[in-house]
């Protein structure tokens, strides 16, 4: 991704510098371009552009990323991801979970 795309996708939205973003990518053990790819996919399912997705949106996103989960696995994944019980998942929570899955 270009610096402009990174700026558009993350920096404006999360009020962070490129260095901070790179730091988060490093911490999660993911390449910056992969992080950008996941963000674009995440945003495609975040229909109201809230920065959060619900369980239905999560299912679509995971299928797009090639993850086949049963309803039970999906519910469990959502419960793990939705640590604060808000009924929604934030992007960085999703990436942390997605990248830690084997």
C-alpha atoms as a PDB file:
ATOM      1  CA  UNK A   1       0.000   0.000   0.000  1.00  0.00           C
ATOM      2  CA  UNK A   2       1.087   3.562  -0.642  1.00  0.00           C
ATOM      3  CA  UNK A   3       1.639   6.017   2.189  1.00  0.00           C
ATOM      4  CA  UNK A   4      -1.507   7.765   1.037  1.00  0.00           C
ATOM      5  CA  UNK A   5      -3.566   4.579   1.359  1.00  0.00           C
ATOM      6  CA  UNK A   6      -2.115   3.892   4.794  1.00  0.00           C
ATOM      7  CA  UNK A   7      -2.953   7.439   5.796  1.00  0.00           C
ATOM      8  CA  UNK A   8      -6.515   7.077   4.496  1.00  0.00           C
ATOM      9  CA  UNK A   9      -7.152   3.625   5.972  1.00  0.00           C
ATOM     10  CA  UNK A  10      -5.548   4.050   9.403  1.00  0.00           C
ATOM     11  CA  UNK A  11      -3.809   7.211  10.376  1.00  0.00           C
ATOM     12  CA  UNK A  12      -6.709   9.630   9.981  1.00  0.00           C
ATOM     13  CA  UNK A  13      -9.164   7.220  11.460  1.00  0.00           C
ATOM     14  CA  UNK A  14      -7.194   6.130  14.493  1.00  0.00           C
ATOM     15  CA  UNK A  15      -5.238   9.353  15.007  1.00  0.00           C
ATOM     16  CA  UNK A  16      -1.919   7.519  14.987  1.00  0.00           C
ATOM     17  CA  UNK A  17       1.400   8.017  13.262  1.00  0.00           C
ATOM     18  CA  UNK A  18       2.842   5.607  10.715  1.00  0.00           C
ATOM     19  CA  UNK A  19       5.489   4.661  13.310  1.00  0.00           C
ATOM     20  CA  UNK A  20       2.788   3.784  15.848  1.00  0.00           C
ATOM     21  CA  UNK A  21       0.996   1.716  13.244  1.00  0.00           C
ATOM     22  CA  UNK A  22       4.222  -0.090  12.334  1.00  0.00           C
ATOM     23  CA  UNK A  23       4.781  -0.703  16.050  1.00  0.00           C
ATOM     24  CA  UNK A  24       1.350  -2.324  16.367  1.00  0.00           C
ATOM     25  CA  UNK A  25       1.995  -4.455  13.282  1.00  0.00           C
ATOM     26  CA  UNK A  26       5.331  -5.568  14.759  1.00  0.00           C
ATOM     27  CA  UNK A  27       3.731  -6.325  18.112  1.00  0.00           C
ATOM     28  CA  UNK A  28       1.143  -8.515  16.413  1.00  0.00           C
ATOM     29  CA  UNK A  29       3.786 -10.111  14.195  1.00  0.00           C
ATOM     30  CA  UNK A  30       2.118  -9.050  10.965  1.00  0.00           C
ATOM     31  CA  UNK A  31       3.429  -7.181   7.925  1.00  0.00           C
ATOM     32  CA  UNK A  32       2.107  -3.661   7.463  1.00  0.00           C
ATOM     33  CA  UNK A  33       0.762  -4.521   3.999  1.00  0.00           C
ATOM     34  CA  UNK A  34      -1.120  -7.530   5.453  1.00  0.00           C
ATOM     35  CA  UNK A  35      -2.550  -5.294   8.155  1.00  0.00           C
ATOM     36  CA  UNK A  36      -3.767  -2.915   5.441  1.00  0.00           C
ATOM     37  CA  UNK A  37      -5.265  -5.805   3.480  1.00  0.00           C
ATOM     38  CA  UNK A  38      -7.158  -7.030   6.562  1.00  0.00           C
ATOM     39  CA  UNK A  39      -8.361  -3.501   7.259  1.00  0.00           C
ATOM     40  CA  UNK A  40      -9.741  -3.145   3.747  1.00  0.00           C
ATOM     41  CA  UNK A  41     -11.524  -6.489   4.059  1.00  0.00           C
ATOM     42  CA  UNK A  42     -12.775  -5.553   7.545  1.00  0.00           C
ATOM     43  CA  UNK A  43     -14.101  -2.231   6.233  1.00  0.00           C
ATOM     44  CA  UNK A  44     -15.903  -4.011   3.391  1.00  0.00           C
ATOM     45  CA  UNK A  45     -17.965  -5.856   6.018  1.00  0.00           C
ATOM     46  CA  UNK A  46     -18.285  -2.902   8.377  1.00  0.00           C
ATOM     47  CA  UNK A  47     -21.353  -1.675   6.537  1.00  0.00           C
ATOM     48  CA  UNK A  48     -22.087   1.337   8.729  1.00  0.00           C
ATOM     49  CA  UNK A  49     -18.388   2.343   8.862  1.00  0.00           C
ATOM     50  CA  UNK A  50     -18.478   2.322  12.659  1.00  0.00           C
ATOM     51  CA  UNK A  51     -15.058   0.709  12.976  1.00  0.00           C
ATOM     52  CA  UNK A  52     -16.771  -2.317  14.504  1.00  0.00           C
ATOM     53  CA  UNK A  53     -18.375  -5.456  13.105  1.00  0.00           C
ATOM     54  CA  UNK A  54     -21.073  -7.682  14.580  1.00  0.00           C
ATOM     55  CA  UNK A  55     -21.328 -11.458  14.512  1.00  0.00           C
ATOM     56  CA  UNK A  56     -23.059 -11.563  11.121  1.00  0.00           C
ATOM     57  CA  UNK A  57     -20.417  -9.318   9.571  1.00  0.00           C
ATOM     58  CA  UNK A  58     -17.665 -11.397  11.209  1.00  0.00           C
ATOM     59  CA  UNK A  59     -19.023 -14.546   9.572  1.00  0.00           C
ATOM     60  CA  UNK A  60     -18.912 -12.929   6.119  1.00  0.00           C
ATOM     61  CA  UNK A  61     -15.437 -11.556   6.706  1.00  0.00           C
ATOM     62  CA  UNK A  62     -14.020 -14.900   7.855  1.00  0.00           C
ATOM     63  CA  UNK A  63     -15.557 -16.701   4.891  1.00  0.00           C
ATOM     64  CA  UNK A  64     -13.975 -14.148   2.550  1.00  0.00           C
ATOM     65  CA  UNK A  65     -10.611 -14.771   4.235  1.00  0.00           C
ATOM     66  CA  UNK A  66     -11.023 -18.521   3.672  1.00  0.00           C
ATOM     67  CA  UNK A  67     -11.981 -19.502   7.221  1.00  0.00           C
ATOM     68  CA  UNK A  68     -14.800 -22.027   7.400  1.00  0.00           C
ATOM     69  CA  UNK A  69     -16.358 -21.947  10.856  1.00  0.00           C
ATOM     70  CA  UNK A  70     -19.402 -23.799  12.126  1.00  0.00           C
ATOM     71  CA  UNK A  71     -22.067 -21.737  13.921  1.00  0.00           C
ATOM     72  CA  UNK A  72     -20.678 -23.025  17.218  1.00  0.00           C
ATOM     73  CA  UNK A  73     -17.091 -22.065  16.352  1.00  0.00           C
ATOM     74  CA  UNK A  74     -18.291 -18.692  15.132  1.00  0.00           C
ATOM     75  CA  UNK A  75     -20.151 -18.049  18.395  1.00  0.00           C
ATOM     76  CA  UNK A  76     -17.116 -19.067  20.401  1.00  0.00           C
ATOM     77  CA  UNK A  77     -14.825 -16.887  18.293  1.00  0.00           C
ATOM     78  CA  UNK A  78     -17.177 -13.961  18.701  1.00  0.00           C
ATOM     79  CA  UNK A  79     -17.340 -14.418  22.475  1.00  0.00           C
ATOM     80  CA  UNK A  80     -13.530 -14.514  22.636  1.00  0.00           C
ATOM     81  CA  UNK A  81     -13.256 -11.440  20.446  1.00  0.00           C
ATOM     82  CA  UNK A  82     -15.990  -9.446  22.128  1.00  0.00           C
ATOM     83  CA  UNK A  83     -14.147  -9.278  25.423  1.00  0.00           C
ATOM     84  CA  UNK A  84     -16.092  -6.267  26.665  1.00  0.00           C
ATOM     85  CA  UNK A  85     -19.470  -7.819  25.803  1.00  0.00           C
ATOM     86  CA  UNK A  86     -20.491  -4.912  23.559  1.00  0.00           C
ATOM     87  CA  UNK A  87     -21.801  -7.179  20.801  1.00  0.00           C
ATOM     88  CA  UNK A  88     -19.256  -5.712  18.411  1.00  0.00           C
ATOM     89  CA  UNK A  89     -15.624  -6.328  17.510  1.00  0.00           C
ATOM     90  CA  UNK A  90     -13.047  -3.627  16.941  1.00  0.00           C
ATOM     91  CA  UNK A  91     -10.520  -3.989  14.092  1.00  0.00           C
ATOM     92  CA  UNK A  92      -7.376  -4.426  16.187  1.00  0.00           C
ATOM     93  CA  UNK A  93      -9.122  -6.991  18.425  1.00  0.00           C
ATOM     94  CA  UNK A  94      -9.978  -8.902  15.268  1.00  0.00           C
ATOM     95  CA  UNK A  95      -6.413  -8.791  13.898  1.00  0.00           C
ATOM     96  CA  UNK A  96      -4.916  -9.902  17.197  1.00  0.00           C
ATOM     97  CA  UNK A  97      -7.278 -12.876  17.278  1.00  0.00           C
ATOM     98  CA  UNK A  98      -6.938 -13.668  13.561  1.00  0.00           C
ATOM     99  CA  UNK A  99      -3.136 -13.617  13.597  1.00  0.00           C
ATOM    100  CA  UNK A 100      -2.905 -15.731  16.765  1.00  0.00           C
ATOM    101  CA  UNK A 101      -5.074 -18.520  15.307  1.00  0.00           C
ATOM    102  CA  UNK A 102      -3.181 -21.531  14.004  1.00  0.00           C
END
